[in-house]
Amino acid sequence: MSDKSLHSSIIKHFCEKYNITVEEKCIDDLAVLTDELLEYNSHTNLTAVRDERDVVIKHHADSLAFLSSKLFCDGAKVIDVGCGAGFPGLPLKIARPGIDISFLDSTEKKLKFTRLACEKLGAECTVLPMRAEEAANKPEMRESFDLAVSRAMANLPVLCELCLPFVKKGGLFVAYKGAKAADIQNPESELSMAKRGISQLGGKVEDIIYYDLCDFYDGEDEDKKHCLIIIRKEKNTPKEFPRRYAQIIKKPL
């Protein structure tokens, strides 16, 4: 069984630092999620993070970071693209149960866990065992979401082409990234490399929110410094995007 006091101390500290409000039930449910993740991960490889404390910090707290933004809207229709084991979508759903969330990933074993976790928590969700570039071209999914989120899936130029087509005009795409990815002074940073493609896809960078997980470790660590790159969908994405994955990788926008 998970240590609920460990969950409580970490989540409450992180939420207080970044002005995030969560109910006590959220912390209890995150502890349940940890149990489910560690048990499932013991026989099926979902994540390299196998220590309970690291799960709470690196998966749960990190996923909740977007709740620090006033742009997050409970009740939104959300898609977690390349969700893997369900992050950031599962903690966001636990903290804000009013969202309508879909989990998309091409790896069915990971979606199986996500479905089981939602059933255990009594949370409604949709799971989509599909490739993002194929799903985004389906009429019922294209530009039909208020919010797309993605974490640890691909570099930003690739990620934008895979995610922005899901977002309706006026909606948001939020990329969870390391802080260095948003360094616009560096012409080789992910954001610098993605700016032209973001515009082509109908988006515009609206905000960058910086946060870190350094408080839970010894000293400052660049790898623990993260950011949210928030992109507003201003125009419809041209019909030719997203391209086939091989093209996206070979020649990012």
C-alpha atoms as a PDB file:
ATOM      1  CA  MET A   1       0.000   0.000   0.000  1.00  0.00           C
ATOM      2  CA  SER A   2       1.170   3.499  -0.798  1.00  0.00           C
ATOM      3  CA  ASP A   3       2.286   5.846   1.958  1.00  0.00           C
ATOM      4  CA  LYS A   4      -0.507   8.444   1.994  1.00  0.00           C
ATOM      5  CA  SER A   5       1.493  10.779   4.243  1.00  0.00           C
ATOM      6  CA  LEU A   6       4.236  10.806   1.584  1.00  0.00           C
ATOM      7  CA  HIS A   7       1.692  11.686  -1.098  1.00  0.00           C
ATOM      8  CA  SER A   8       0.148  14.356   1.112  1.00  0.00           C
ATOM      9  CA  SER A   9       3.427  16.089   1.987  1.00  0.00           C
ATOM     10  CA  ILE A  10       4.700  16.177  -1.601  1.00  0.00           C
ATOM     11  CA  ILE A  11       1.448  17.123  -3.336  1.00  0.00           C
ATOM     12  CA  LYS A  12       0.507  19.747  -0.753  1.00  0.00           C
ATOM     13  CA  HIS A  13       3.953  21.339  -0.885  1.00  0.00           C
ATOM     14  CA  PHE A  14       3.924  21.461  -4.682  1.00  0.00           C
ATOM     15  CA  CYS A  15       0.369  22.791  -4.825  1.00  0.00           C
ATOM     16  CA  GLU A  16       0.998  25.473  -2.207  1.00  0.00           C
ATOM     17  CA  LYS A  17       4.145  26.613  -4.005  1.00  0.00           C
ATOM     18  CA  TYR A  18       2.323  26.991  -7.324  1.00  0.00           C
ATOM     19  CA  ASN A  19      -1.066  28.133  -6.015  1.00  0.00           C
ATOM     20  CA  ILE A  20      -2.935  24.967  -7.017  1.00  0.00           C
ATOM     21  CA  THR A  21      -6.050  23.924  -5.133  1.00  0.00           C
ATOM     22  CA  VAL A  22      -6.813  20.216  -4.735  1.00  0.00           C
ATOM     23  CA  GLU A  23      -9.256  18.329  -2.537  1.00  0.00           C
ATOM     24  CA  GLU A  24      -8.120  15.742   0.014  1.00  0.00           C
ATOM     25  CA  LYS A  25      -9.786  13.087  -2.147  1.00  0.00           C
ATOM     26  CA  CYS A  26      -7.359  13.973  -4.946  1.00  0.00           C
ATOM     27  CA  ILE A  27      -4.416  13.005  -2.738  1.00  0.00           C
ATOM     28  CA  ASP A  28      -6.145   9.756  -1.724  1.00  0.00           C
ATOM     29  CA  ASP A  29      -6.856   8.906  -5.360  1.00  0.00           C
ATOM     30  CA  LEU A  30      -3.277   9.678  -6.401  1.00  0.00           C
ATOM     31  CA  ALA A  31      -2.128   7.180  -3.762  1.00  0.00           C
ATOM     32  CA  VAL A  32      -4.453   4.590  -5.323  1.00  0.00           C
ATOM     33  CA  LEU A  33      -3.022   5.426  -8.741  1.00  0.00           C
ATOM     34  CA  THR A  34       0.504   4.895  -7.404  1.00  0.00           C
ATOM     35  CA  ASP A  35      -0.451   1.457  -6.100  1.00  0.00           C
ATOM     36  CA  GLU A  36      -1.974   0.518  -9.429  1.00  0.00           C
ATOM     37  CA  LEU A  37       1.002   1.836 -11.411  1.00  0.00           C
ATOM     38  CA  LEU A  38       3.666   0.100  -9.329  1.00  0.00           C
ATOM     39  CA  GLU A  39       1.781  -3.198  -9.308  1.00  0.00           C
ATOM     40  CA  TYR A  40       1.177  -3.119 -13.067  1.00  0.00           C
ATOM     41  CA  ASN A  41       4.739  -1.997 -13.729  1.00  0.00           C
ATOM     42  CA  SER A  42       6.036  -5.039 -11.833  1.00  0.00           C
ATOM     43  CA  HIS A  43       4.982  -7.280 -14.723  1.00  0.00           C
ATOM     44  CA  THR A  44       4.513  -4.892 -17.669  1.00  0.00           C
ATOM     45  CA  ASN A  45       6.988  -2.124 -18.467  1.00  0.00           C
ATOM     46  CA  LEU A  46       5.066   1.153 -18.334  1.00  0.00           C
ATOM     47  CA  THR A  47       7.594   3.551 -16.864  1.00  0.00           C
ATOM     48  CA  ALA A  48      11.229   3.627 -15.800  1.00  0.00           C
ATOM     49  CA  VAL A  49      10.145   5.385 -12.586  1.00  0.00           C
ATOM     50  CA  ARG A  50       9.732   2.550 -10.077  1.00  0.00           C
ATOM     51  CA  ASP A  51      10.225   4.204  -6.689  1.00  0.00           C
ATOM     52  CA  GLU A  52       7.060   5.367  -4.910  1.00  0.00           C
ATOM     53  CA  ARG A  53       8.476   8.765  -3.975  1.00  0.00           C
ATOM     54  CA  ASP A  54       9.682   9.397  -7.509  1.00  0.00           C
ATOM     55  CA  VAL A  55       6.282   8.432  -8.924  1.00  0.00           C
ATOM     56  CA  VAL A  56       4.619  11.051  -6.738  1.00  0.00           C
ATOM     57  CA  ILE A  57       7.138  13.744  -7.704  1.00  0.00           C
ATOM     58  CA  LYS A  58       7.991  12.966 -11.321  1.00  0.00           C
ATOM     59  CA  HIS A  59       4.555  11.806 -12.475  1.00  0.00           C
ATOM     60  CA  HIS A  60       1.838  13.139 -10.163  1.00  0.00           C
ATOM     61  CA  ALA A  61       3.157  16.562  -9.091  1.00  0.00           C
ATOM     62  CA  ASP A  62       4.645  17.253 -12.513  1.00  0.00           C
ATOM     63  CA  SER A  63       1.350  16.433 -14.230  1.00  0.00           C
ATOM     64  CA  LEU A  64      -0.581  18.811 -11.971  1.00  0.00           C
ATOM     65  CA  ALA A  65       1.568  21.802 -12.956  1.00  0.00           C
ATOM     66  CA  PHE A  66      -0.888  23.090 -15.583  1.00  0.00           C
ATOM     67  CA  LEU A  67      -3.472  23.635 -12.839  1.00  0.00           C
ATOM     68  CA  SER A  68      -1.356  26.615 -11.770  1.00  0.00           C
ATOM     69  CA  SER A  69      -2.541  28.362 -14.935  1.00  0.00           C
ATOM     70  CA  LYS A  70      -5.771  30.322 -14.991  1.00  0.00           C
ATOM     71  CA  LEU A  71      -6.145  28.993 -18.546  1.00  0.00           C
ATOM     72  CA  PHE A  72      -7.131  25.538 -17.309  1.00  0.00           C
ATOM     73  CA  CYS A  73     -10.895  25.101 -17.480  1.00  0.00           C
ATOM     74  CA  ASP A  74     -12.695  22.383 -15.536  1.00  0.00           C
ATOM     75  CA  GLY A  75     -15.303  20.916 -17.854  1.00  0.00           C
ATOM     76  CA  ALA A  76     -13.032  21.149 -20.897  1.00  0.00           C
ATOM     77  CA  LYS A  77     -12.862  18.429 -23.527  1.00  0.00           C
ATOM     78  CA  VAL A  78      -9.252  17.202 -23.262  1.00  0.00           C
ATOM     79  CA  ILE A  79      -7.034  14.817 -25.215  1.00  0.00           C
ATOM     80  CA  ASP A  80      -3.766  13.464 -23.816  1.00  0.00           C
ATOM     81  CA  VAL A  81      -1.678  12.718 -26.917  1.00  0.00           C
ATOM     82  CA  GLY A  82       0.922   9.963 -26.568  1.00  0.00           C
ATOM     83  CA  CYS A  83      -0.308   9.470 -23.028  1.00  0.00           C
ATOM     84  CA  GLY A  84       1.891   6.465 -22.244  1.00  0.00           C
ATOM     85  CA  ALA A  85       0.848   5.258 -18.792  1.00  0.00           C
ATOM     86  CA  GLY A  86      -1.592   8.156 -18.499  1.00  0.00           C
ATOM     87  CA  PHE A  87       0.442  11.239 -17.680  1.00  0.00           C
ATOM     88  CA  PRO A  88      -0.406  14.071 -17.419  1.00  0.00           C
ATOM     89  CA  GLY A  89      -4.028  13.097 -18.106  1.00  0.00           C
ATOM     90  CA  LEU A  90      -4.733  10.792 -15.141  1.00  0.00           C
ATOM     91  CA  PRO A  91      -3.638  13.237 -12.402  1.00  0.00           C
ATOM     92  CA  LEU A  92      -5.460  16.069 -14.201  1.00  0.00           C
ATOM     93  CA  LYS A  93      -8.647  13.971 -14.299  1.00  0.00           C
ATOM     94  CA  ILE A  94      -8.238  13.038 -10.621  1.00  0.00           C
ATOM     95  CA  ALA A  95      -7.758  16.665  -9.604  1.00  0.00           C
ATOM     96  CA  ARG A  96     -10.463  18.032 -11.905  1.00  0.00           C
ATOM     97  CA  PRO A  97     -13.014  15.230 -12.419  1.00  0.00           C
ATOM     98  CA  GLY A  98     -15.259  17.524 -14.477  1.00  0.00           C
ATOM     99  CA  ILE A  99     -13.026  17.333 -17.551  1.00  0.00           C
ATOM    100  CA  ASP A 100     -14.018  15.067 -20.440  1.00  0.00           C
ATOM    101  CA  ILE A 101     -10.775  13.268 -21.194  1.00  0.00           C
ATOM    102  CA  SER A 102      -9.528  11.008 -23.984  1.00  0.00           C
ATOM    103  CA  PHE A 103      -6.240   9.122 -23.827  1.00  0.00           C
ATOM    104  CA  LEU A 104      -4.500   8.473 -27.140  1.00  0.00           C
ATOM    105  CA  ASP A 105      -1.506   6.193 -27.608  1.00  0.00           C
ATOM    106  CA  SER A 106      -0.340   3.679 -30.187  1.00  0.00           C
ATOM    107  CA  THR A 107       0.776   1.210 -27.468  1.00  0.00           C
ATOM    108  CA  GLU A 108      -2.207  -0.815 -26.329  1.00  0.00           C
ATOM    109  CA  LYS A 109      -0.573  -2.243 -23.184  1.00  0.00           C
ATOM    110  CA  LYS A 110      -0.246   1.281 -21.812  1.00  0.00           C
ATOM    111  CA  LEU A 111      -3.829   2.166 -22.694  1.00  0.00           C
ATOM    112  CA  LYS A 112      -4.949  -1.029 -20.964  1.00  0.00           C
ATOM    113  CA  PHE A 113      -3.403   0.275 -17.758  1.00  0.00           C
ATOM    114  CA  THR A 114      -4.991   3.694 -18.224  1.00  0.00           C
ATOM    115  CA  ARG A 115      -8.415   2.098 -18.678  1.00  0.00           C
ATOM    116  CA  LEU A 116      -7.959  -0.127 -15.615  1.00  0.00           C
ATOM    117  CA  ALA A 117      -6.778   2.820 -13.502  1.00  0.00           C
ATOM    118  CA  CYS A 118      -9.825   4.868 -14.478  1.00  0.00           C
ATOM    119  CA  GLU A 119     -12.121   1.945 -13.624  1.00  0.00           C
ATOM    120  CA  LYS A 120     -10.429   1.550 -10.247  1.00  0.00           C
ATOM    121  CA  LEU A 121     -10.919   5.251  -9.541  1.00  0.00           C
ATOM    122  CA  GLY A 122     -14.458   5.379 -10.893  1.00  0.00           C
ATOM    123  CA  ALA A 123     -13.379   7.955 -13.476  1.00  0.00           C
ATOM    124  CA  GLU A 124     -14.908   8.098 -16.939  1.00  0.00           C
ATOM    125  CA  CYS A 125     -12.529   8.287 -19.874  1.00  0.00           C
ATOM    126  CA  THR A 126     -12.139   7.370 -23.539  1.00  0.00           C
ATOM    127  CA  VAL A 127      -9.117   5.377 -24.693  1.00  0.00           C
ATOM    128  CA  LEU A 128      -7.962   5.609 -28.287  1.00  0.00           C
ATOM    129  CA  PRO A 129      -5.441   2.991 -29.471  1.00  0.00           C
ATOM    130  CA  MET A 130      -4.334   4.960 -32.519  1.00  0.00           C
ATOM    131  CA  ARG A 131      -1.449   6.868 -34.006  1.00  0.00           C
ATOM    132  CA  ALA A 132      -1.846  10.604 -33.511  1.00  0.00           C
ATOM    133  CA  GLU A 133      -1.298  11.539 -37.165  1.00  0.00           C
ATOM    134  CA  GLU A 134      -4.049   9.119 -38.215  1.00  0.00           C
ATOM    135  CA  ALA A 135      -6.507  10.077 -35.483  1.00  0.00           C
ATOM    136  CA  ALA A 136      -6.121  13.797 -36.174  1.00  0.00           C
ATOM    137  CA  ASN A 137      -7.353  13.285 -39.739  1.00  0.00           C
ATOM    138  CA  LYS A 138     -10.605  11.657 -38.623  1.00  0.00           C
ATOM    139  CA  PRO A 139     -13.486  14.155 -38.998  1.00  0.00           C
ATOM    140  CA  GLU A 140     -14.934  13.328 -35.573  1.00  0.00           C
ATOM    141  CA  MET A 141     -11.644  14.106 -33.840  1.00  0.00           C
ATOM    142  CA  ARG A 142     -10.091  16.871 -35.884  1.00  0.00           C
ATOM    143  CA  GLU A 143     -10.310  20.279 -34.188  1.00  0.00           C
ATOM    144  CA  SER A 144     -12.806  18.932 -31.677  1.00  0.00           C
ATOM    145  CA  PHE A 145     -10.941  19.395 -28.369  1.00  0.00           C
ATOM    146  CA  ASP A 146     -10.678  22.430 -26.101  1.00  0.00           C
ATOM    147  CA  LEU A 147      -7.298  21.282 -24.837  1.00  0.00           C
ATOM    148  CA  ALA A 148      -4.551  18.927 -25.977  1.00  0.00           C
ATOM    149  CA  VAL A 149      -1.759  18.002 -23.569  1.00  0.00           C
ATOM    150  CA  SER A 150       1.374  15.981 -24.149  1.00  0.00           C
ATOM    151  CA  ARG A 151       4.344  15.047 -22.001  1.00  0.00           C
ATOM    152  CA  ALA A 152       7.605  13.307 -22.854  1.00  0.00           C
ATOM    153  CA  MET A 153       6.495  12.166 -26.292  1.00  0.00           C
ATOM    154  CA  ALA A 154       8.562  14.005 -28.939  1.00  0.00           C
ATOM    155  CA  ASN A 155      10.475  17.215 -29.546  1.00  0.00           C
ATOM    156  CA  LEU A 156       8.325  20.310 -29.965  1.00  0.00           C
ATOM    157  CA  PRO A 157       8.412  20.725 -33.784  1.00  0.00           C
ATOM    158  CA  VAL A 158       7.130  17.152 -34.183  1.00  0.00           C
ATOM    159  CA  LEU A 159       4.743  17.422 -31.243  1.00  0.00           C
ATOM    160  CA  CYS A 160       3.020  20.533 -32.578  1.00  0.00           C
ATOM    161  CA  GLU A 161       2.167  18.867 -35.887  1.00  0.00           C
ATOM    162  CA  LEU A 162       0.780  15.843 -34.059  1.00  0.00           C
ATOM    163  CA  CYS A 163      -1.228  17.778 -31.452  1.00  0.00           C
ATOM    164  CA  LEU A 164      -2.458  21.112 -32.834  1.00  0.00           C
ATOM    165  CA  PRO A 165      -4.773  19.491 -35.425  1.00  0.00           C
ATOM    166  CA  PHE A 166      -6.844  18.083 -32.525  1.00  0.00           C
ATOM    167  CA  VAL A 167      -7.456  21.526 -31.027  1.00  0.00           C
ATOM    168  CA  LYS A 168     -10.466  23.607 -31.972  1.00  0.00           C
ATOM    169  CA  LYS A 169     -10.048  27.261 -32.885  1.00  0.00           C
ATOM    170  CA  GLY A 170      -9.650  29.205 -29.651  1.00  0.00           C
ATOM    171  CA  GLY A 171      -8.427  26.134 -27.758  1.00  0.00           C
ATOM    172  CA  LEU A 172      -5.017  25.327 -26.305  1.00  0.00           C
ATOM    173  CA  PHE A 173      -2.165  22.907 -26.771  1.00  0.00           C
ATOM    174  CA  VAL A 174       0.074  22.502 -23.712  1.00  0.00           C
ATOM    175  CA  ALA A 175       3.462  20.812 -24.042  1.00  0.00           C
ATOM    176  CA  TYR A 176       5.192  19.665 -20.851  1.00  0.00           C
ATOM    177  CA  LYS A 177       8.899  20.272 -21.408  1.00  0.00           C
ATOM    178  CA  GLY A 178      12.241  20.792 -19.742  1.00  0.00           C
ATOM    179  CA  ALA A 179      12.912  24.482 -19.098  1.00  0.00           C
ATOM    180  CA  LYS A 180      15.721  24.583 -21.675  1.00  0.00           C
ATOM    181  CA  ALA A 181      13.250  23.746 -24.433  1.00  0.00           C
ATOM    182  CA  ALA A 182      11.696  27.222 -24.136  1.00  0.00           C
ATOM    183  CA  ASP A 183      14.951  29.204 -24.381  1.00  0.00           C
ATOM    184  CA  ILE A 184      14.147  31.515 -27.292  1.00  0.00           C
ATOM    185  CA  GLN A 185      17.639  33.043 -27.053  1.00  0.00           C
ATOM    186  CA  ASN A 186      19.009  29.727 -28.224  1.00  0.00           C
ATOM    187  CA  PRO A 187      18.269  29.250 -31.948  1.00  0.00           C
ATOM    188  CA  GLU A 188      18.564  25.488 -31.493  1.00  0.00           C
ATOM    189  CA  SER A 189      16.079  25.204 -28.618  1.00  0.00           C
ATOM    190  CA  GLU A 190      12.874  23.258 -29.244  1.00  0.00           C
ATOM    191  CA  LEU A 191      10.742  26.399 -29.143  1.00  0.00           C
ATOM    192  CA  SER A 192      13.004  28.301 -31.518  1.00  0.00           C
ATOM    193  CA  MET A 193      12.935  25.398 -33.948  1.00  0.00           C
ATOM    194  CA  ALA A 194       9.135  25.069 -33.679  1.00  0.00           C
ATOM    195  CA  LYS A 195       8.056  28.706 -34.061  1.00  0.00           C
ATOM    196  CA  ARG A 196       7.572  28.623 -37.828  1.00  0.00           C
ATOM    197  CA  GLY A 197       5.645  25.354 -37.672  1.00  0.00           C
ATOM    198  CA  ILE A 198       3.413  26.624 -34.863  1.00  0.00           C
ATOM    199  CA  SER A 199       2.350  29.503 -37.088  1.00  0.00           C
ATOM    200  CA  GLN A 200       1.804  27.227 -40.099  1.00  0.00           C
ATOM    201  CA  LEU A 201      -0.413  24.983 -37.994  1.00  0.00           C
ATOM    202  CA  GLY A 202      -2.585  27.894 -36.846  1.00  0.00           C
ATOM    203  CA  GLY A 203      -1.097  28.404 -33.413  1.00  0.00           C
ATOM    204  CA  LYS A 204       0.610  31.142 -31.432  1.00  0.00           C
ATOM    205  CA  VAL A 205       2.623  30.837 -28.232  1.00  0.00           C
ATOM    206  CA  GLU A 206       0.509  32.438 -25.524  1.00  0.00           C
ATOM    207  CA  ASP A 207       2.513  31.773 -22.393  1.00  0.00           C
ATOM    208  CA  ILE A 208       5.398  29.823 -20.900  1.00  0.00           C
ATOM    209  CA  ILE A 209       5.023  28.727 -17.298  1.00  0.00           C
ATOM    210  CA  TYR A 210       8.167  27.694 -15.461  1.00  0.00           C
ATOM    211  CA  TYR A 211       8.205  25.415 -12.441  1.00  0.00           C
ATOM    212  CA  ASP A 212      10.591  22.972 -10.836  1.00  0.00           C
ATOM    213  CA  LEU A 213      10.799  19.844  -8.729  1.00  0.00           C
ATOM    214  CA  CYS A 214      14.089  20.827  -7.076  1.00  0.00           C
ATOM    215  CA  ASP A 215      12.558  21.182  -3.587  1.00  0.00           C
ATOM    216  CA  PHE A 216      12.239  17.413  -3.367  1.00  0.00           C
ATOM    217  CA  TYR A 217      15.884  16.711  -4.159  1.00  0.00           C
ATOM    218  CA  ASP A 218      19.282  17.907  -2.968  1.00  0.00           C
ATOM    219  CA  GLY A 219      20.186  21.245  -4.510  1.00  0.00           C
ATOM    220  CA  GLU A 220      19.450  22.805  -7.862  1.00  0.00           C
ATOM    221  CA  ASP A 221      19.270  20.452 -10.822  1.00  0.00           C
ATOM    222  CA  GLU A 222      18.634  21.613 -14.378  1.00  0.00           C
ATOM    223  CA  ASP A 223      16.886  18.326 -15.153  1.00  0.00           C
ATOM    224  CA  LYS A 224      14.310  19.107 -12.454  1.00  0.00           C
ATOM    225  CA  LYS A 225      13.475  22.513 -13.987  1.00  0.00           C
ATOM    226  CA  HIS A 226      10.469  22.273 -16.259  1.00  0.00           C
ATOM    227  CA  CYS A 227       8.068  24.428 -18.209  1.00  0.00           C
ATOM    228  CA  LEU A 228       4.693  24.407 -19.899  1.00  0.00           C
ATOM    229  CA  ILE A 229       4.669  25.805 -23.415  1.00  0.00           C
ATOM    230  CA  ILE A 230       1.115  27.026 -23.942  1.00  0.00           C
ATOM    231  CA  ILE A 231      -0.018  27.494 -27.535  1.00  0.00           C
ATOM    232  CA  ARG A 232      -3.330  29.088 -28.488  1.00  0.00           C
ATOM    233  CA  LYS A 233      -5.054  27.851 -31.659  1.00  0.00           C
ATOM    234  CA  GLU A 234      -5.857  31.044 -33.572  1.00  0.00           C
ATOM    235  CA  LYS A 235      -6.674  29.589 -37.005  1.00  0.00           C
ATOM    236  CA  ASN A 236      -7.784  26.266 -38.383  1.00  0.00           C
ATOM    237  CA  THR A 237      -4.950  23.904 -39.229  1.00  0.00           C
ATOM    238  CA  PRO A 238      -4.489  23.475 -43.004  1.00  0.00           C
ATOM    239  CA  LYS A 239      -5.892  20.173 -44.256  1.00  0.00           C
ATOM    240  CA  GLU A 240      -2.492  18.855 -45.346  1.00  0.00           C
ATOM    241  CA  PHE A 241      -1.399  18.559 -41.696  1.00  0.00           C
ATOM    242  CA  PRO A 242      -0.539  16.330 -39.996  1.00  0.00           C
ATOM    243  CA  ARG A 243       1.514  14.564 -42.636  1.00  0.00           C
ATOM    244  CA  ARG A 244       2.579  10.930 -42.470  1.00  0.00           C
ATOM    245  CA  TYR A 245       4.866  10.296 -39.505  1.00  0.00           C
ATOM    246  CA  ALA A 246       7.877   9.487 -41.659  1.00  0.00           C
ATOM    247  CA  GLN A 247       7.528  12.887 -43.341  1.00  0.00           C
ATOM    248  CA  ILE A 248       7.096  14.694 -40.031  1.00  0.00           C
ATOM    249  CA  ILE A 249      10.297  13.162 -38.670  1.00  0.00           C
ATOM    250  CA  LYS A 250      12.287  13.587 -41.863  1.00  0.00           C
ATOM    251  CA  LYS A 251      11.369  17.224 -42.373  1.00  0.00           C
ATOM    252  CA  PRO A 252       9.789  18.957 -39.360  1.00  0.00           C
ATOM    253  CA  LEU A 253       7.966  22.191 -40.150  1.00  0.00           C
END
